[in-house]
């Protein structure tokens, strides 16, 4: 199945054919690299705090250490 890409404001958009009915409030886009993308319909909007906690869990539950060069020169005010 093919569809067209068009401009909507300053963004690009894809028209989804009527034969593919989406009834949920959100769609998750999964990048499959050179194989394309996958649209996954979500029945409920995801809580942003759940997304934050998932990302934090990927870091091992801790914030990464800040690395700053010791010899960094900053301009005088």
N, C-alpha and C. Protein backbone atom coordinates (compact mmCIF):
# COMPACT_ATOMS: atom_id res chain seq x y z
N UNK A 1 0.85 -1.16 0.00
CA UNK A 1 0.00 0.00 0.00
C UNK A 1 0.90 1.23 0.00
N UNK A 2 0.57 2.20 -0.82
CA UNK A 2 1.33 3.44 -0.90
C UNK A 2 0.46 4.61 -0.53
N UNK A 3 1.11 5.65 -0.04
CA UNK A 3 0.40 6.89 0.28
C UNK A 3 1.35 8.05 0.00
N UNK A 4 0.87 9.24 0.15
CA UNK A 4 1.67 10.41 -0.15
C UNK A 4 2.14 11.11 1.11
N UNK A 5 3.29 11.77 0.98
CA UNK A 5 3.82 12.62 2.04
C UNK A 5 3.49 14.06 1.63
N UNK A 6 2.99 14.84 2.59
CA UNK A 6 2.66 16.23 2.29
C UNK A 6 3.12 17.12 3.43
N UNK A 7 3.11 18.41 3.19
CA UNK A 7 3.55 19.36 4.21
C UNK A 7 2.33 19.86 4.98
N UNK A 8 2.43 19.84 6.31
CA UNK A 8 1.38 20.34 7.18
C UNK A 8 2.04 21.36 8.12
N UNK A 9 1.86 22.64 7.81
CA UNK A 9 2.57 23.67 8.58
C UNK A 9 4.05 23.59 8.25
N UNK A 10 4.91 23.45 9.29
CA UNK A 10 6.35 23.30 9.08
C UNK A 10 6.79 21.85 9.18
N UNK A 11 5.85 20.93 9.20
CA UNK A 11 6.16 19.50 9.37
C UNK A 11 5.76 18.72 8.13
N UNK A 12 6.33 17.54 8.01
CA UNK A 12 5.89 16.61 6.98
C UNK A 12 4.86 15.68 7.60
N UNK A 13 3.88 15.28 6.82
CA UNK A 13 2.83 14.40 7.32
C UNK A 13 2.58 13.28 6.31
N UNK A 14 1.98 12.21 6.79
CA UNK A 14 1.64 11.08 5.95
C UNK A 14 0.14 10.86 6.07
N UNK A 15 -0.53 10.78 4.94
CA UNK A 15 -1.96 10.50 4.95
C UNK A 15 -2.15 9.00 5.07
N UNK A 16 -2.89 8.58 6.10
CA UNK A 16 -3.15 7.16 6.31
C UNK A 16 -4.44 6.81 5.58
N UNK A 17 -4.40 5.81 4.71
CA UNK A 17 -5.60 5.45 3.94
C UNK A 17 -6.76 5.06 4.85
N UNK A 18 -7.99 5.29 4.36
CA UNK A 18 -9.19 5.00 5.14
C UNK A 18 -9.32 3.52 5.45
N UNK A 19 -8.70 2.66 4.66
CA UNK A 19 -8.80 1.22 4.92
C UNK A 19 -8.07 0.82 6.21
N UNK A 20 -7.19 1.69 6.68
CA UNK A 20 -6.50 1.45 7.96
C UNK A 20 -7.11 2.39 8.97
N UNK A 21 -8.08 1.91 9.69
CA UNK A 21 -8.78 2.75 10.67
C UNK A 21 -8.02 2.77 11.98
N UNK A 22 -7.73 3.96 12.49
CA UNK A 22 -7.09 4.13 13.79
C UNK A 22 -8.10 4.78 14.72
N UNK A 23 -8.40 4.12 15.83
CA UNK A 23 -9.41 4.66 16.73
C UNK A 23 -8.81 5.18 18.03
N UNK A 24 -7.56 4.82 18.33
CA UNK A 24 -6.94 5.26 19.58
C UNK A 24 -6.53 6.71 19.53
N UNK A 25 -6.24 7.29 20.70
CA UNK A 25 -5.86 8.71 20.75
C UNK A 25 -4.42 8.98 20.35
N UNK A 26 -3.56 7.94 20.37
CA UNK A 26 -2.14 8.14 20.04
C UNK A 26 -1.62 6.96 19.24
N UNK A 27 -0.54 7.21 18.51
CA UNK A 27 0.15 6.19 17.76
C UNK A 27 1.62 6.25 18.15
N UNK A 28 2.23 5.11 18.44
CA UNK A 28 3.66 5.04 18.72
C UNK A 28 4.36 4.67 17.42
N UNK A 29 5.42 5.40 17.09
CA UNK A 29 6.19 5.12 15.88
C UNK A 29 7.48 4.42 16.31
N UNK A 30 7.71 3.23 15.76
CA UNK A 30 8.90 2.45 16.06
C UNK A 30 9.79 2.45 14.83
N UNK A 31 11.02 2.98 14.97
CA UNK A 31 11.96 3.04 13.85
C UNK A 31 12.64 1.69 13.69
N UNK A 32 12.46 1.08 12.54
CA UNK A 32 13.06 -0.23 12.26
C UNK A 32 14.31 -0.10 11.40
N UNK A 33 14.89 1.09 11.36
CA UNK A 33 16.11 1.30 10.58
C UNK A 33 15.78 1.32 9.09
N UNK A 34 16.60 0.62 8.28
CA UNK A 34 16.36 0.63 6.85
C UNK A 34 15.16 -0.20 6.44
N UNK A 35 14.59 -0.95 7.38
CA UNK A 35 13.40 -1.74 7.07
C UNK A 35 12.13 -0.91 7.12
N UNK A 36 12.19 0.31 7.61
CA UNK A 36 11.02 1.19 7.64
C UNK A 36 10.61 1.56 9.05
N UNK A 37 9.34 1.84 9.22
CA UNK A 37 8.79 2.19 10.52
C UNK A 37 7.55 1.36 10.78
N UNK A 38 7.21 1.25 12.04
CA UNK A 38 6.03 0.51 12.46
C UNK A 38 5.14 1.45 13.25
N UNK A 39 3.86 1.49 12.92
CA UNK A 39 2.90 2.29 13.68
C UNK A 39 2.17 1.37 14.62
N UNK A 40 2.21 1.70 15.90
CA UNK A 40 1.56 0.89 16.92
C UNK A 40 0.49 1.76 17.58
N UNK A 41 -0.76 1.37 17.41
CA UNK A 41 -1.86 2.15 17.96
C UNK A 41 -1.95 1.95 19.47
N UNK A 42 -2.03 3.06 20.20
CA UNK A 42 -2.17 3.03 21.65
C UNK A 42 -3.60 3.38 22.01
N UNK A 43 -4.21 2.59 22.87
CA UNK A 43 -5.60 2.83 23.23
C UNK A 43 -5.74 3.98 24.22
N UNK A 44 -4.71 4.21 25.03
CA UNK A 44 -4.74 5.30 26.00
C UNK A 44 -3.45 6.10 25.86
N UNK A 45 -3.52 7.41 26.08
CA UNK A 45 -2.28 8.18 26.05
C UNK A 45 -1.34 7.71 27.15
N UNK A 46 -0.04 7.67 26.86
CA UNK A 46 0.94 7.24 27.86
C UNK A 46 1.22 8.38 28.81
N UNK A 47 1.35 8.04 30.07
CA UNK A 47 1.67 9.02 31.10
C UNK A 47 3.13 9.45 30.93
N UNK A 48 3.41 10.74 30.79
CA UNK A 48 4.80 11.19 30.62
C UNK A 48 5.71 10.75 31.76
N UNK A 49 5.18 10.64 32.98
CA UNK A 49 6.01 10.21 34.10
C UNK A 49 6.39 8.74 33.97
N UNK A 50 5.53 7.92 33.38
CA UNK A 50 5.88 6.52 33.12
C UNK A 50 7.03 6.45 32.12
N UNK A 51 6.97 7.29 31.09
CA UNK A 51 8.06 7.32 30.11
C UNK A 51 9.36 7.75 30.78
N UNK A 52 9.30 8.73 31.68
CA UNK A 52 10.48 9.20 32.41
C UNK A 52 11.06 8.07 33.25
N UNK A 53 10.19 7.36 33.98
CA UNK A 53 10.66 6.26 34.84
C UNK A 53 11.28 5.14 34.01
N UNK A 54 10.71 4.84 32.84
CA UNK A 54 11.29 3.81 31.97
C UNK A 54 12.68 4.22 31.51
N UNK A 55 12.83 5.50 31.13
CA UNK A 55 14.14 5.99 30.70
C UNK A 55 15.14 5.95 31.83
N UNK A 56 14.71 6.29 33.04
CA UNK A 56 15.59 6.25 34.20
C UNK A 56 16.01 4.81 34.51
N UNK A 57 15.08 3.86 34.34
CA UNK A 57 15.41 2.45 34.58
C UNK A 57 16.45 1.97 33.58
N UNK A 58 16.41 2.49 32.35
CA UNK A 58 17.42 2.11 31.36
C UNK A 58 18.81 2.60 31.76
N UNK A 59 18.87 3.66 32.55
CA UNK A 59 20.15 4.17 33.04
C UNK A 59 20.63 3.41 34.27
N UNK A 60 19.88 2.42 34.70
CA UNK A 60 20.25 1.67 35.88
C UNK A 60 19.69 2.28 37.15
N UNK A 61 18.72 3.18 37.02
CA UNK A 61 18.09 3.79 38.17
C UNK A 61 18.88 4.94 38.77
N UNK A 62 20.00 5.30 38.14
CA UNK A 62 20.82 6.39 38.66
C UNK A 62 21.10 7.39 37.56
N UNK A 63 21.35 8.63 37.97
CA UNK A 63 21.75 9.65 37.02
C UNK A 63 23.21 9.41 36.64
N UNK A 64 23.56 9.63 35.39
CA UNK A 64 24.98 9.49 35.01
C UNK A 64 25.81 10.59 35.66
N UNK A 65 27.07 10.27 35.94
CA UNK A 65 27.97 11.26 36.53
C UNK A 65 28.26 12.35 35.50
N UNK A 66 28.36 13.57 36.01
CA UNK A 66 28.70 14.69 35.15
C UNK A 66 30.20 14.73 34.95
N UNK A 67 30.61 14.83 33.71
CA UNK A 67 32.03 14.89 33.39
C UNK A 67 32.32 16.30 32.90
N UNK A 68 33.25 16.97 33.58
CA UNK A 68 33.63 18.31 33.18
C UNK A 68 35.15 18.40 33.17
N UNK A 69 35.68 18.97 32.11
CA UNK A 69 37.13 19.11 32.01
C UNK A 69 37.62 20.08 33.07
N UNK A 70 38.73 19.75 33.71
CA UNK A 70 39.26 20.60 34.79
C UNK A 70 39.85 21.89 34.26
N UNK A 71 40.41 21.87 33.05
CA UNK A 71 41.06 23.04 32.50
C UNK A 71 40.15 23.89 31.64
N UNK A 72 38.84 23.74 31.81
CA UNK A 72 37.96 24.52 30.96
C UNK A 72 38.02 26.00 31.35
N UNK A 73 38.23 26.84 30.38
CA UNK A 73 38.34 28.29 30.59
C UNK A 73 37.01 28.93 30.27
N UNK A 74 36.55 29.76 31.16
CA UNK A 74 35.33 30.50 30.93
C UNK A 74 35.65 31.99 30.88
N UNK A 75 34.92 32.71 30.05
CA UNK A 75 35.21 34.15 29.97
C UNK A 75 34.84 34.84 31.29
N UNK A 76 35.61 35.87 31.60
CA UNK A 76 35.35 36.67 32.80
C UNK A 76 34.16 37.57 32.53
N UNK A 77 33.37 37.81 33.56
CA UNK A 77 32.21 38.68 33.42
C UNK A 77 32.59 40.08 33.69
